[in-house]
Protein backbone atom coordinates (compact mmCIF):
# COMPACT_ATOMS: atom_id res chain seq x y z
CA VAL A 1 44.23 -103.66 -47.19
CA LYS A 2 45.11 -107.35 -47.49
CA TYR A 3 48.76 -108.31 -47.39
CA LEU A 4 49.65 -111.96 -47.17
CA ASP A 5 47.52 -113.27 -44.37
CA SER A 6 47.14 -109.88 -42.69
CA ILE A 7 44.37 -107.37 -43.11
CA LEU A 8 44.86 -103.69 -42.23
CA ARG A 9 41.88 -101.38 -41.84
CA GLN A 10 41.97 -97.62 -41.33
CA SER A 11 39.07 -95.13 -41.39
CA SER A 12 38.83 -91.37 -41.21
CA PRO A 13 35.54 -89.33 -40.86
CA PHE A 14 34.70 -86.64 -43.41
CA ASN A 15 31.71 -84.45 -44.39
CA VAL A 16 30.25 -84.06 -47.85
CA VAL A 17 29.21 -80.37 -48.22
CA LEU A 18 27.39 -78.82 -51.20
CA PRO A 19 28.32 -75.26 -52.27
CA PHE A 20 25.77 -72.85 -50.75
CA TYR A 21 24.44 -71.87 -54.18
CA LYS A 22 23.42 -75.47 -54.89
CA TYR A 23 21.01 -75.59 -51.97
CA ALA A 24 17.28 -75.09 -52.68
CA PHE A 25 14.58 -73.01 -50.94
CA ILE A 26 10.97 -74.21 -51.44
CA GLY A 27 12.23 -76.18 -54.39
CA ILE A 28 14.03 -73.29 -56.08
CA PRO A 29 17.86 -73.37 -56.25
CA VAL A 30 19.46 -70.66 -54.16
CA TRP A 31 21.59 -69.49 -57.09
CA MET A 32 18.43 -68.75 -59.09
CA ILE A 33 16.95 -66.75 -56.19
CA LEU A 34 20.18 -64.76 -55.84
CA ALA A 35 20.37 -64.14 -59.58
CA ALA A 36 16.77 -62.94 -59.64
CA ALA A 37 17.34 -60.67 -56.62
CA LEU A 38 20.50 -59.23 -58.20
CA THR A 39 18.67 -58.61 -61.49
CA LEU A 40 15.68 -57.02 -59.74
CA GLY A 41 17.94 -54.86 -57.58
CA SER A 42 19.91 -53.71 -60.61
CA LEU A 43 16.74 -52.86 -62.53
CA THR A 44 15.34 -50.97 -59.52
CA PHE A 45 18.57 -49.01 -59.19
CA ILE A 46 18.55 -48.19 -62.93
CA VAL A 47 14.90 -47.05 -62.76
CA ILE A 48 15.63 -44.84 -59.74
CA ILE A 49 18.64 -43.25 -61.47
CA TYR A 50 16.64 -42.84 -64.71
CA ASN A 51 13.71 -41.18 -62.91
CA LYS A 52 16.09 -38.93 -61.01
CA LYS A 53 17.81 -37.84 -64.23
CA LYS A 54 14.44 -37.42 -65.92
CA GLU A 55 13.18 -35.28 -63.04
CA GLU A 56 16.31 -33.14 -63.22
CA LYS A 57 15.75 -32.58 -66.94
CA LYS A 58 12.10 -31.58 -66.42
CA ARG A 59 11.36 -27.99 -67.30
CA TYR A 60 8.19 -27.83 -65.21
CA LYS A 61 8.49 -29.02 -61.62
CA THR A 62 5.17 -29.12 -59.83
CA LYS A 63 3.14 -31.33 -57.51
CA LEU A 64 0.20 -32.59 -59.53
CA ASN A 65 -2.70 -34.85 -58.54
CA MET A 66 -4.58 -35.79 -61.73
CA ARG A 67 -7.64 -36.84 -59.71
CA LEU A 68 -8.06 -33.23 -58.58
CA LEU A 69 -8.31 -31.88 -62.15
CA PRO A 70 -11.53 -31.64 -64.23
CA GLN A 71 -12.28 -34.71 -66.33
CA ALA A 72 -13.82 -34.97 -69.80
CA GLY A 73 -17.55 -34.24 -69.84
CA GLU A 74 -20.41 -32.24 -71.36
CA ARG A 75 -19.36 -29.04 -69.58
CA SER A 76 -15.59 -29.56 -69.88
CA ALA A 77 -13.25 -27.52 -72.06
CA PHE A 78 -10.37 -29.44 -73.68
CA ILE A 79 -7.39 -27.07 -73.46
CA GLY A 80 -4.36 -29.24 -74.25
CA ASN A 81 -1.96 -31.65 -72.52
CA ILE A 82 -0.33 -31.63 -69.11
CA ALA A 83 3.12 -30.15 -69.82
CA GLU A 84 5.77 -32.68 -70.90
CA THR A 85 3.16 -35.47 -71.21
CA THR A 86 0.54 -36.67 -73.68
CA THR A 87 -2.20 -36.60 -71.02
CA ARG A 88 -5.19 -34.54 -72.15
CA THR A 89 -6.45 -31.99 -69.65
CA TYR A 90 -9.60 -29.93 -69.24
CA LEU A 91 -11.13 -26.95 -67.46
CA ASP A 92 -14.63 -26.72 -66.02
CA LEU A 93 -16.52 -24.43 -68.42
CA ASP A 94 -18.89 -23.16 -65.73
CA LYS A 95 -15.93 -22.05 -63.58
CA PHE A 96 -15.42 -19.32 -66.22
CA GLN A 97 -18.34 -17.60 -64.45
CA VAL A 98 -15.96 -16.72 -61.64
CA HIS A 99 -13.61 -15.18 -64.21
CA THR A 100 -10.14 -15.74 -65.62
CA LEU A 101 -7.05 -13.56 -65.87
CA ILE A 102 -4.36 -14.44 -68.44
CA ALA A 103 -1.03 -12.64 -68.01
CA GLY A 104 2.41 -12.74 -69.64
CA SER A 105 4.90 -10.99 -71.86
CA SER A 106 4.31 -10.38 -75.55
CA GLY A 107 4.95 -13.51 -77.58
CA GLY A 108 4.20 -15.86 -74.66
CA GLY A 109 0.98 -17.08 -76.27
CA LYS A 110 -1.59 -15.50 -73.93
CA THR A 111 -3.98 -14.46 -76.74
CA VAL A 112 -3.88 -17.96 -78.30
CA ILE A 113 -4.60 -19.43 -74.85
CA ALA A 114 -7.62 -17.14 -74.50
CA GLU A 115 -8.72 -18.13 -78.01
CA ASP A 116 -8.58 -21.83 -77.02
CA LEU A 117 -10.90 -21.09 -74.09
CA VAL A 118 -13.24 -19.11 -76.35
CA GLU A 119 -13.34 -21.91 -78.97
CA GLU A 120 -14.40 -24.39 -76.28
CA ALA A 121 -17.08 -21.99 -75.04
CA LEU A 122 -18.44 -21.53 -78.59
CA LEU A 123 -18.50 -25.30 -79.15
CA LYS A 124 -20.65 -25.56 -76.00
CA ASN A 125 -23.10 -22.95 -77.37
CA VAL A 126 -21.95 -20.02 -75.20
CA ALA A 127 -22.37 -16.50 -76.62
CA VAL A 128 -19.01 -14.67 -76.83
CA ILE A 129 -18.23 -10.96 -77.15
CA VAL A 130 -14.61 -9.85 -77.66
CA PHE A 131 -13.23 -6.33 -77.27
CA ASP A 132 -10.22 -6.44 -79.55
CA PRO A 133 -7.65 -3.59 -79.72
CA THR A 134 -5.79 -5.02 -82.75
CA ALA A 135 -8.39 -6.92 -84.87
CA GLN A 136 -6.29 -10.05 -84.25
CA TRP A 137 -9.38 -11.96 -83.15
CA SER A 138 -10.93 -11.48 -86.61
CA GLY A 139 -9.29 -14.78 -87.65
CA PHE A 140 -12.03 -16.60 -85.72
CA LEU A 141 -14.24 -16.21 -88.80
CA ARG A 142 -11.85 -18.26 -90.97
CA LYS A 143 -10.68 -21.84 -90.45
CA ASN A 144 -7.05 -22.72 -89.77
CA ASP A 145 -4.95 -23.48 -92.86
CA ASP A 146 -1.47 -22.90 -91.42
CA LYS A 147 0.65 -26.00 -92.18
CA GLY A 148 2.96 -25.35 -89.23
CA ILE A 149 0.06 -25.24 -86.76
CA LEU A 150 -1.72 -28.17 -88.41
CA GLY A 151 1.50 -30.17 -87.93
CA LEU A 152 1.02 -29.84 -84.16
CA TYR A 153 -2.44 -31.44 -84.20
CA PRO A 154 -1.27 -35.10 -83.81
CA LYS A 155 0.53 -34.24 -80.54
CA PHE A 156 -2.87 -33.38 -79.07
CA ASN A 157 -4.77 -36.21 -80.76
CA MET A 158 -6.46 -33.67 -83.05
CA ARG A 159 -7.30 -34.13 -86.73
CA LYS A 160 -6.93 -31.69 -89.61
CA ARG A 161 -10.61 -32.01 -90.42
CA ASP A 162 -11.35 -30.53 -86.99
CA THR A 163 -10.42 -27.04 -88.24
CA LYS A 164 -13.33 -24.66 -88.09
CA ALA A 165 -14.44 -21.15 -89.00
CA PHE A 166 -16.78 -19.88 -86.30
CA SER A 167 -19.99 -17.99 -86.96
CA GLY A 168 -19.68 -14.35 -86.02
CA ASN A 169 -19.36 -10.72 -86.97
CA ILE A 170 -16.91 -7.85 -86.68
CA HIS A 171 -17.92 -4.34 -85.61
CA GLN A 172 -15.71 -1.28 -85.74
CA VAL A 173 -16.00 1.03 -82.71
CA SER A 174 -15.32 4.68 -83.44
CA ASP A 175 -16.57 6.31 -80.22
CA GLY A 176 -16.03 5.06 -76.67
CA ARG A 177 -19.48 6.28 -75.64
CA GLU A 178 -21.25 4.06 -78.20
CA ILE A 179 -24.06 2.12 -76.54
CA ILE A 180 -23.93 -1.60 -77.31
CA ASP A 181 -27.22 -3.49 -77.19
CA PHE A 182 -25.82 -6.68 -75.67
CA LYS A 183 -28.94 -8.76 -76.13
CA LYS A 184 -28.66 -8.16 -79.87
CA TYR A 185 -25.13 -9.59 -79.98
CA MET A 186 -25.46 -12.37 -77.44
CA ASN A 187 -26.07 -15.19 -79.89
CA PRO A 188 -25.49 -18.73 -78.50
CA GLY A 189 -22.53 -20.33 -80.24
CA GLY A 190 -21.66 -17.08 -82.05
CA ILE A 191 -18.82 -14.59 -81.58
CA SER A 192 -19.13 -10.81 -81.90
CA ILE A 193 -15.82 -8.96 -82.21
CA PHE A 194 -15.71 -5.24 -81.44
CA VAL A 195 -12.51 -3.74 -82.82
CA THR A 196 -11.30 -0.77 -80.77
CA ASP A 197 -8.04 0.03 -82.57
CA LYS A 198 -9.28 3.52 -83.53
CA LEU A 199 -9.94 4.60 -79.93
CA ASP A 200 -7.49 6.68 -77.91
CA MET A 201 -6.79 5.94 -74.23
CA LYS A 202 -9.63 8.10 -72.89
CA ASN A 203 -12.17 6.61 -75.30
CA THR A 204 -10.96 3.08 -74.55
CA GLU A 205 -11.55 3.64 -70.83
CA LEU A 206 -14.99 5.10 -71.57
CA PHE A 207 -15.83 2.13 -73.80
CA VAL A 208 -14.87 -0.48 -71.20
CA ALA A 209 -16.89 1.34 -68.52
CA ASN A 210 -19.76 1.76 -70.97
CA THR A 211 -19.88 -1.93 -71.97
CA ILE A 212 -19.90 -3.06 -68.32
CA ARG A 213 -22.68 -0.58 -67.61
CA GLU A 214 -24.77 -1.98 -70.49
CA VAL A 215 -24.48 -5.53 -69.11
CA PHE A 216 -25.91 -4.31 -65.80
CA LYS A 217 -28.77 -2.67 -67.73
CA ALA A 218 -29.47 -5.76 -69.88
CA ASN A 219 -31.68 -7.33 -67.17
CA LEU A 220 -30.30 -10.83 -67.79
CA PRO A 221 -31.85 -13.85 -66.03
CA GLU A 222 -29.87 -15.60 -63.29
CA SER A 223 -28.00 -18.74 -64.35
CA GLN A 224 -25.91 -21.46 -62.68
CA GLU A 225 -24.29 -22.22 -66.06
CA LEU A 226 -22.02 -20.09 -68.21
CA LYS A 227 -24.20 -18.37 -70.83
CA TYR A 228 -22.10 -15.39 -71.93
CA LEU A 229 -18.37 -14.76 -72.09
CA LEU A 230 -16.80 -11.30 -72.37
CA ILE A 231 -13.14 -10.97 -73.37
CA TYR A 232 -11.18 -7.77 -72.72
CA ASP A 233 -7.85 -8.06 -74.55
CA GLY A 234 -4.98 -5.70 -73.63
CA ILE A 235 -6.68 -4.64 -70.39
CA HIS A 236 -3.25 -3.72 -68.91
CA THR A 237 -3.18 -0.59 -71.08
CA LEU A 238 -5.74 0.95 -68.71
CA LEU A 239 -3.38 0.66 -65.73
CA PRO A 240 -1.51 3.82 -64.64
CA LYS A 241 1.78 1.99 -65.31
CA PHE A 242 0.88 1.94 -69.02
CA GLY A 243 -0.63 5.42 -69.28
CA GLY A 244 -4.24 4.79 -68.24
CA SER A 245 -6.03 6.47 -65.36
CA GLY A 246 -6.91 3.16 -63.67
CA ARG A 247 -10.37 4.50 -62.74
CA VAL A 248 -12.20 1.98 -64.93
CA PHE A 249 -11.03 -0.85 -62.65
CA VAL A 250 -13.72 0.27 -60.21
CA GLN A 251 -16.26 -0.90 -62.80
CA ILE A 252 -14.27 -4.06 -63.53
CA GLU A 253 -14.26 -4.90 -59.80
CA ARG A 254 -18.03 -4.53 -59.66
CA ALA A 255 -18.40 -6.67 -62.79
CA ALA A 256 -16.18 -9.38 -61.28
CA ARG A 257 -18.34 -9.38 -58.15
CA GLU A 258 -21.78 -9.47 -59.77
CA PHE A 259 -21.67 -10.82 -63.34
CA ARG A 260 -21.41 -14.46 -62.22
CA LYS A 261 -25.01 -14.59 -60.98
CA TRP A 262 -26.25 -13.99 -64.55
CA GLY A 263 -23.97 -16.64 -66.05
CA VAL A 264 -21.60 -13.98 -67.44
CA GLY A 265 -17.87 -14.76 -67.31
CA LEU A 266 -14.94 -12.39 -67.84
CA ILE A 267 -11.58 -13.21 -69.43
CA LEU A 268 -9.05 -10.41 -68.91
CA ILE A 269 -5.84 -10.51 -70.97
CA SER A 270 -2.90 -8.51 -69.67
CA GLN A 271 0.88 -8.22 -69.90
CA VAL A 272 1.11 -7.93 -66.11
CA LEU A 273 -0.78 -9.28 -63.13
CA SER A 274 0.85 -7.86 -60.00
CA ASP A 275 -0.21 -4.27 -60.84
CA PHE A 276 -3.91 -5.17 -60.86
CA PRO A 277 -5.95 -3.79 -57.95
CA LYS A 278 -6.13 -6.47 -55.25
CA GLU A 279 -9.92 -6.03 -55.08
CA VAL A 280 -10.16 -7.19 -58.71
CA LEU A 281 -7.78 -10.13 -58.20
CA ALA A 282 -9.75 -11.23 -55.12
CA ASN A 283 -12.79 -11.85 -57.34
CA ILE A 284 -10.98 -13.83 -60.06
CA ASN A 285 -10.96 -17.61 -59.67
CA THR A 286 -8.43 -18.73 -62.30
CA GLU A 287 -5.05 -17.21 -63.16
CA ILE A 288 -3.10 -18.35 -66.22
CA GLN A 289 0.50 -17.15 -66.29
CA THR A 290 2.62 -17.41 -69.44
CA ARG A 291 6.34 -16.65 -69.67
CA THR A 292 7.01 -13.19 -68.23
CA ARG A 293 9.86 -10.74 -67.66
CA ASP A 294 7.90 -8.40 -65.40
CA GLU A 295 9.79 -8.04 -62.11
CA GLY A 296 6.64 -7.56 -60.06
CA ASP A 297 5.06 -10.75 -61.42
CA LEU A 298 8.27 -12.74 -60.95
CA ASN A 299 8.55 -11.63 -57.30
CA ARG A 300 4.88 -12.48 -56.70
CA ILE A 301 5.32 -15.98 -58.22
CA GLU A 302 8.39 -16.68 -56.07
CA GLU A 303 6.71 -15.46 -52.88
CA GLU A 304 3.49 -17.40 -53.47
CA TYR A 305 4.72 -20.63 -55.09
CA GLY A 306 8.46 -20.92 -54.50
CA ASP A 307 11.67 -21.05 -56.52
CA ASN A 308 10.85 -24.17 -58.59
CA ILE A 309 7.64 -22.66 -59.99
CA LEU A 310 9.46 -19.38 -60.69
CA LYS A 311 12.14 -21.19 -62.72
CA SER A 312 9.44 -23.12 -64.59
CA VAL A 313 7.60 -19.93 -65.53
CA VAL A 314 10.80 -18.23 -66.69
CA LYS A 315 11.73 -21.25 -68.86
CA ALA A 316 8.18 -21.86 -70.14
CA ALA A 317 7.87 -22.52 -73.86
CA THR A 318 5.48 -20.47 -76.00
CA GLY A 319 1.99 -21.92 -75.51
CA THR A 320 2.83 -23.57 -72.17
CA SER A 321 1.50 -21.79 -69.11
CA MET A 322 0.97 -22.08 -65.39
CA ILE A 323 -2.63 -22.50 -64.23
CA GLU A 324 -3.62 -21.65 -60.67
CA SER A 325 -7.18 -22.04 -59.41
CA SER A 326 -8.64 -22.83 -56.00
CA ALA A 327 -10.93 -25.31 -57.81
CA TYR A 328 -8.10 -27.46 -59.22
CA ASN A 329 -5.17 -29.44 -57.74
CA ASN A 330 -5.85 -28.20 -54.20
CA GLY A 331 -5.04 -24.68 -55.34
CA GLN A 332 -1.47 -25.66 -56.30
CA PRO A 333 -0.20 -24.41 -59.70
CA TYR A 334 0.44 -26.78 -62.57
CA PHE A 335 1.57 -26.42 -66.19
CA VAL A 336 -0.36 -27.06 -69.40
CA SER A 337 0.76 -27.10 -73.03
CA PHE A 338 -2.25 -25.51 -74.71
CA ARG A 339 -3.60 -27.07 -77.89
CA PRO A 340 -3.34 -25.39 -81.32
CA PRO A 341 -6.48 -23.45 -82.34
CA LEU A 342 -9.13 -24.60 -84.81
CA HIS A 343 -9.54 -21.17 -86.42
CA SER A 344 -7.04 -19.07 -88.34
CA LEU A 345 -4.57 -16.98 -86.36
CA LYS A 346 -4.20 -14.60 -89.30
CA ARG A 347 -5.78 -11.18 -88.94
CA LEU A 348 -8.29 -10.42 -91.69
CA THR A 349 -7.13 -7.98 -94.36
CA GLU A 350 -8.12 -4.33 -94.20
CA GLU A 351 -10.40 -4.87 -97.19
CA GLU A 352 -12.24 -7.70 -95.42
CA LEU A 353 -12.60 -5.57 -92.28
CA ARG A 354 -13.97 -2.69 -94.37
CA ASN A 355 -16.49 -5.08 -95.94
CA TYR A 356 -17.77 -6.10 -92.51
CA GLU A 357 -18.06 -2.44 -91.52
CA LYS A 358 -19.84 -1.51 -94.79
CA TYR A 359 -22.35 -4.34 -94.80
CA ASN A 360 -23.09 -4.04 -91.07
CA LYS A 361 -24.03 -0.37 -91.57
CA ILE A 362 -26.34 -1.30 -94.46
CA ILE A 363 -27.96 -4.13 -92.50
CA ASP A 364 -28.38 -1.96 -89.37
CA ASP A 365 -30.06 0.73 -91.43
CA LEU A 366 -32.42 -1.74 -93.19
CA GLU A 367 -33.24 -3.37 -89.85
CA TYR A 368 -34.12 0.05 -88.41
CA GLN A 369 -36.36 0.78 -91.42
CA ILE A 370 -38.17 -2.55 -90.96
CA GLU A 371 -38.76 -1.70 -87.28
CA GLN A 372 -40.31 1.61 -88.36
CA LEU A 373 -42.53 -0.18 -90.92
CA LYS A 374 -43.70 -2.47 -88.11
CA GLU A 375 -44.78 0.57 -86.16
CA GLN A 376 -46.79 1.60 -89.24
CA GLU A 377 -48.54 -1.82 -89.01
CA ILE A 378 -47.01 -3.05 -92.29
CA ASP A 379 -46.56 -6.81 -92.74
CA VAL A 380 -42.79 -7.25 -92.73
CA PHE A 381 -42.50 -11.01 -92.13
CA ASP A 382 -40.90 -11.74 -95.53
CA LEU A 383 -38.58 -8.74 -95.18
CA GLU A 384 -37.39 -9.89 -91.74
CA LEU A 385 -36.78 -13.41 -93.06
CA GLU A 386 -34.68 -12.14 -95.96
CA LEU A 387 -32.79 -9.76 -93.64
CA LYS A 388 -31.93 -12.68 -91.36
CA LEU A 389 -30.56 -14.64 -94.34
CA ALA A 390 -28.38 -11.66 -95.26
CA LYS A 391 -27.10 -11.45 -91.64
CA ASP A 392 -26.24 -15.15 -91.68
CA LYS A 393 -24.19 -14.67 -94.83
CA ILE A 394 -22.29 -11.78 -93.22
CA ASN A 395 -21.53 -14.05 -90.25
CA ALA A 396 -20.24 -16.66 -92.69
CA GLY A 397 -18.15 -14.05 -94.56
CA SER A 398 -20.01 -14.70 -97.86
CA PHE A 399 -20.18 -11.12 -99.08
CA ASN A 400 -21.20 -12.09 -102.63
CA MET A 401 -24.31 -13.75 -101.23
CA VAL A 402 -24.95 -10.71 -99.05
CA ASP A 403 -24.95 -8.55 -102.22
CA ILE A 404 -27.50 -10.87 -103.84
CA TYR A 405 -29.87 -10.65 -100.86
CA LEU A 406 -29.46 -6.87 -100.57
CA GLU A 407 -30.21 -6.38 -104.27
CA GLY A 408 -33.64 -7.85 -103.71
CA LEU A 409 -34.29 -6.58 -100.17
CA THR A 410 -33.36 -2.90 -100.52
CA PRO A 411 -35.84 -2.01 -103.33
CA ARG A 412 -38.65 -3.96 -101.61
CA ILE A 413 -38.23 -1.91 -98.43
CA LYS A 414 -38.14 1.31 -100.50
CA GLU A 415 -41.34 0.23 -102.20
CA GLN A 416 -43.08 -0.17 -98.84
CA TRP A 417 -42.15 3.37 -97.84
CA HIS A 418 -43.30 4.66 -101.24
CA LYS A 419 -46.70 2.99 -100.75
CA ILE A 420 -47.35 4.73 -97.44
CA GLY A 421 -45.90 8.01 -98.72
CA LYS A 422 -43.39 8.45 -95.92
CA THR A 423 -39.63 8.70 -95.53
CA PRO A 424 -37.81 6.49 -93.00
CA LYS A 425 -35.62 7.98 -90.31
CA LYS A 426 -31.88 7.39 -90.56
CA LYS A 427 -30.34 5.16 -87.90
CA GLU A 428 -28.05 7.06 -85.56
CA ILE A 429 -25.48 5.62 -83.19
CA LYS A 430 -26.65 6.07 -79.61
CA LEU A 431 -24.03 7.58 -77.33
CA ALA A 432 -23.88 7.64 -73.55
CA SER A 433 -23.03 11.01 -72.04
CA GLU A 434 -19.77 11.32 -70.10
CA THR A 435 -21.78 12.72 -67.19
CA GLU A 436 -23.87 9.56 -67.13
CA LEU A 437 -20.77 7.35 -67.27
CA GLU A 438 -19.19 9.39 -64.47
CA ARG A 439 -22.33 8.88 -62.39
CA GLU A 440 -22.16 5.13 -63.06
CA LEU A 441 -18.53 5.14 -61.97
CA GLU A 442 -19.44 6.78 -58.66
CA GLU A 443 -22.26 4.26 -58.26
CA ALA A 444 -19.80 1.43 -58.84
CA LYS A 445 -17.50 2.90 -56.16
CA ARG A 446 -20.39 3.05 -53.71
CA VAL A 447 -21.50 -0.52 -54.45
CA ASN A 448 -17.93 -1.82 -54.16
CA GLU A 449 -17.42 -0.09 -50.81
CA GLU A 450 -20.67 -1.54 -49.50
CA SER A 451 -19.70 -4.99 -50.76
CA ARG A 452 -16.29 -4.70 -49.10
CA LYS A 453 -17.90 -3.65 -45.82
CA GLU A 454 -20.31 -6.58 -46.04
CA GLU A 455 -17.41 -8.94 -46.75
CA GLN A 456 -15.43 -7.51 -43.82
CA GLU A 457 -18.46 -7.85 -41.52
CA GLN A 458 -18.98 -11.37 -42.75
CA GLU A 459 -15.31 -12.17 -42.12
CA LYS A 460 -15.60 -10.70 -38.61
CA GLU A 461 -18.73 -12.74 -37.92
CA GLU A 462 -17.08 -15.88 -39.24
CA LEU A 463 -13.98 -15.14 -37.15
CA LYS A 464 -16.12 -14.49 -34.07
CA LYS A 465 -18.13 -17.62 -34.75
CA GLY A 466 -14.90 -19.56 -35.19
CA GLU A 467 -13.53 -18.19 -31.89
CA GLN A 468 -16.79 -19.12 -30.12
CA GLU A 469 -16.66 -22.61 -31.60
CA VAL A 470 -13.03 -22.97 -30.45
CA GLU A 471 -13.91 -21.66 -26.98
CA GLU A 472 -16.86 -24.03 -26.71
CA ALA A 473 -14.70 -26.89 -27.95
CA VAL A 474 -12.05 -26.05 -25.33
CA LYS A 475 -14.72 -25.93 -22.59
CA GLU A 476 -16.22 -29.19 -23.77
CA GLU A 477 -12.81 -30.78 -23.84
CA ALA A 478 -12.03 -29.48 -20.36
CA LYS A 479 -15.39 -30.83 -19.15
CA GLU A 480 -14.68 -34.22 -20.71
CA GLU A 481 -11.22 -34.25 -19.11
CA GLU A 482 -12.74 -33.37 -15.72
CA GLN A 483 -15.31 -36.16 -16.10
CA GLU A 484 -12.56 -38.58 -17.06
CA GLU A 485 -10.50 -37.52 -14.00
CA GLN A 486 -13.54 -37.96 -11.74
CA ALA A 487 -14.20 -41.38 -13.23
CA ILE A 488 -10.57 -42.36 -12.69
CA GLU A 489 -10.66 -41.08 -9.08
CA LYS A 490 -13.87 -43.02 -8.53
CA ASP A 491 -12.31 -46.15 -9.99
CA ILE A 492 -9.24 -45.67 -7.80
CA LYS A 493 -11.40 -45.13 -4.73
CA THR A 494 -13.55 -48.18 -5.51
CA THR A 495 -10.44 -50.25 -6.18
CA SER A 496 -8.91 -49.04 -2.90
CA GLU A 497 -12.05 -49.91 -0.94
CA ASP A 498 -12.25 -53.33 -2.56
CA ASN A 499 -8.59 -53.90 -1.75
CA ASN A 500 -9.15 -52.90 1.93
CA LEU A 501 -12.07 -55.33 2.24
CA THR A 502 -10.03 -58.14 0.70
CA GLU A 503 -7.14 -57.41 3.08
CA ILE A 504 -9.48 -57.42 6.12
CA ASN A 505 -10.86 -60.83 5.10
CA ASN A 506 -7.30 -62.14 4.68
CA LEU A 507 -6.28 -60.74 8.11
CA ILE A 508 -9.37 -62.32 9.74
CA THR A 509 -8.37 -65.72 8.32
CA LYS A 510 -4.76 -65.30 9.49
CA MET A 511 -5.86 -64.04 12.95
CA ASN A 512 -8.06 -67.11 13.46
CA SER A 513 -5.06 -69.26 12.59
CA CYS A 514 -2.91 -67.38 15.15
CA LEU A 515 -5.54 -67.80 17.84
CA ASP A 516 -5.84 -71.48 17.01
CA GLY A 517 -2.07 -71.73 17.47
CA ASN A 518 -2.23 -69.67 20.68
CA ASN A 519 -0.07 -66.94 19.09
CA LYS A 520 -1.69 -64.06 20.96
CA LYS A 521 0.92 -61.39 20.27
CA GLU A 522 0.68 -61.70 16.49
CA ALA A 523 -3.14 -61.93 16.71
CA ILE A 524 -3.25 -58.55 18.54
CA GLN A 525 -1.14 -56.90 15.81
CA MET A 526 -3.48 -58.25 13.15
CA TYR A 527 -6.54 -57.07 15.09
CA ASN A 528 -5.08 -53.53 15.24
CA LYS A 529 -4.61 -53.55 11.42
CA ILE A 530 -8.19 -54.78 10.96
CA THR A 531 -9.44 -51.90 13.13
CA LEU A 532 -7.60 -49.30 11.03
CA LEU A 533 -8.83 -50.73 7.71
CA TYR A 534 -12.38 -51.09 9.08
CA LYS A 535 -12.59 -47.31 9.51
CA GLU A 536 -11.85 -46.68 5.77
CA ILE A 537 -14.37 -49.05 4.17
CA PRO A 538 -17.97 -48.05 3.26
CA LYS A 539 -20.88 -48.70 5.62
CA GLU A 540 -22.39 -51.44 3.44
CA TYR A 541 -19.09 -53.36 3.72
CA LYS A 542 -18.86 -52.80 7.53
CA LYS A 543 -22.18 -54.60 8.01
CA LYS A 544 -20.82 -57.67 6.22
CA ILE A 545 -17.74 -58.12 8.46
CA PHE A 546 -18.91 -56.62 11.78
CA ASN A 547 -20.00 -59.98 13.21
CA LYS A 548 -16.68 -61.59 12.16
CA CYS A 549 -14.72 -58.80 13.88
CA ASN A 550 -16.89 -59.09 17.00
CA GLU A 551 -16.25 -62.88 17.24
CA LEU A 552 -12.50 -62.27 16.85
CA TYR A 553 -12.61 -59.70 19.64
CA LYS A 554 -14.36 -62.21 21.99
CA ARG A 555 -11.79 -64.91 21.16
CA LEU A 556 -8.92 -62.51 21.69
CA LYS A 557 -10.40 -61.37 25.05
């Protein structure tokens, strides 16, 4: 400050400081970094809360590893979506050879689930035979036209033009002892439905036992792939709990053990699962559980899979089911929303069912007459060709066309019999005697007992082998530990000897220094230490230092 001729100066130090948020880190303002971190943290928190809420709202709580599920392929069956997702899921078709059990209360969708599996098998050219107690499966022969079901197609990435009527036939069973020629009905890509609604409990049991017996007698070739699929709907009715004797499960157990080697798979449909004989369940690879109210099944689910799975099964929507298989998801259960079917779910009318029964009888009789003409050395090539065309039209449900073929075929066959002046025999239904079926049942018991004994012996051998392997492993480990201990002891001993030799050499150097300085007392103490250490070192080392020790002794003396 200038005032008149005087100048006054005053100074005071100060610091210029930027607010912390205006600083920069690697060229980026700190405030931007903080803002980004705050935004990211907030988003992370929101995502965590959202996922937590979403998980709480989930109806089906399971641990699922998608990599451990079958993928799309030539031998895969598309069954629907993983529950509560749009992810398509599949089953391995050839795993049906080791059999499937579908269980659940009425209205849970178990029959539709089985029908999805059967559709996939038919699309892969597998021959299917269904034993149907209600004729509900007859809808397979008509394509789906239900607007409500068609409305579900987009959810599964399906198109309305995918609907399909499958080639097949319907046969009415009136006697449980009727012998079914399986090779006649095992048509690749075709379905044969045997309606058993007219059979009482005893005849139903006889029929199931009889059909299993006929498969054993069919002399089928062995196969690594699924070739034939047998569906027993309402199999629970044969359990004692539902009024059956339960004896037929001896045959079912044998079938579950042995059918797989011929490429024959079983699908059993039941209202309950826990009441099945454990020997049958032990031979079934895949269990599909729909919503159930059965106390035994609910207890089993809770014991085996825990409370979360139990709650999921209880709350399961119609068409959504739990799948458990040792082949999938490390054996852990998971939930699938099964796809809508391609065929009609409507049961055929009584008139349509009567038409199938009527025309099948006519065709069977004409076929039998042609076989007899063959035996008479009559050329029946044209007759067989026309008969096959008539059969195809029955399978397609075109009864008007069947009438047209029969109008021409029937008189031509009659004419052949007129020419040779003979009368054909009438076709009769072949029946198995109850004595024979009883004998087969006893045979099944014997075979099952032998198989169980073999399995028990095999388990014992495997257990014994396992124990031996463990014992050998323990011995080997003990041997390795002993060798390691010996090696350590050897290392310690070698280290100790090396240390003694080093100390002797150091003492010799120090003792020479003492003698040079005429410090005799200390030299004697060192010589005594050298003597003690000398005794503990190996002979090869003693040779190296003996002369040095001898010279020290002379100097000391």
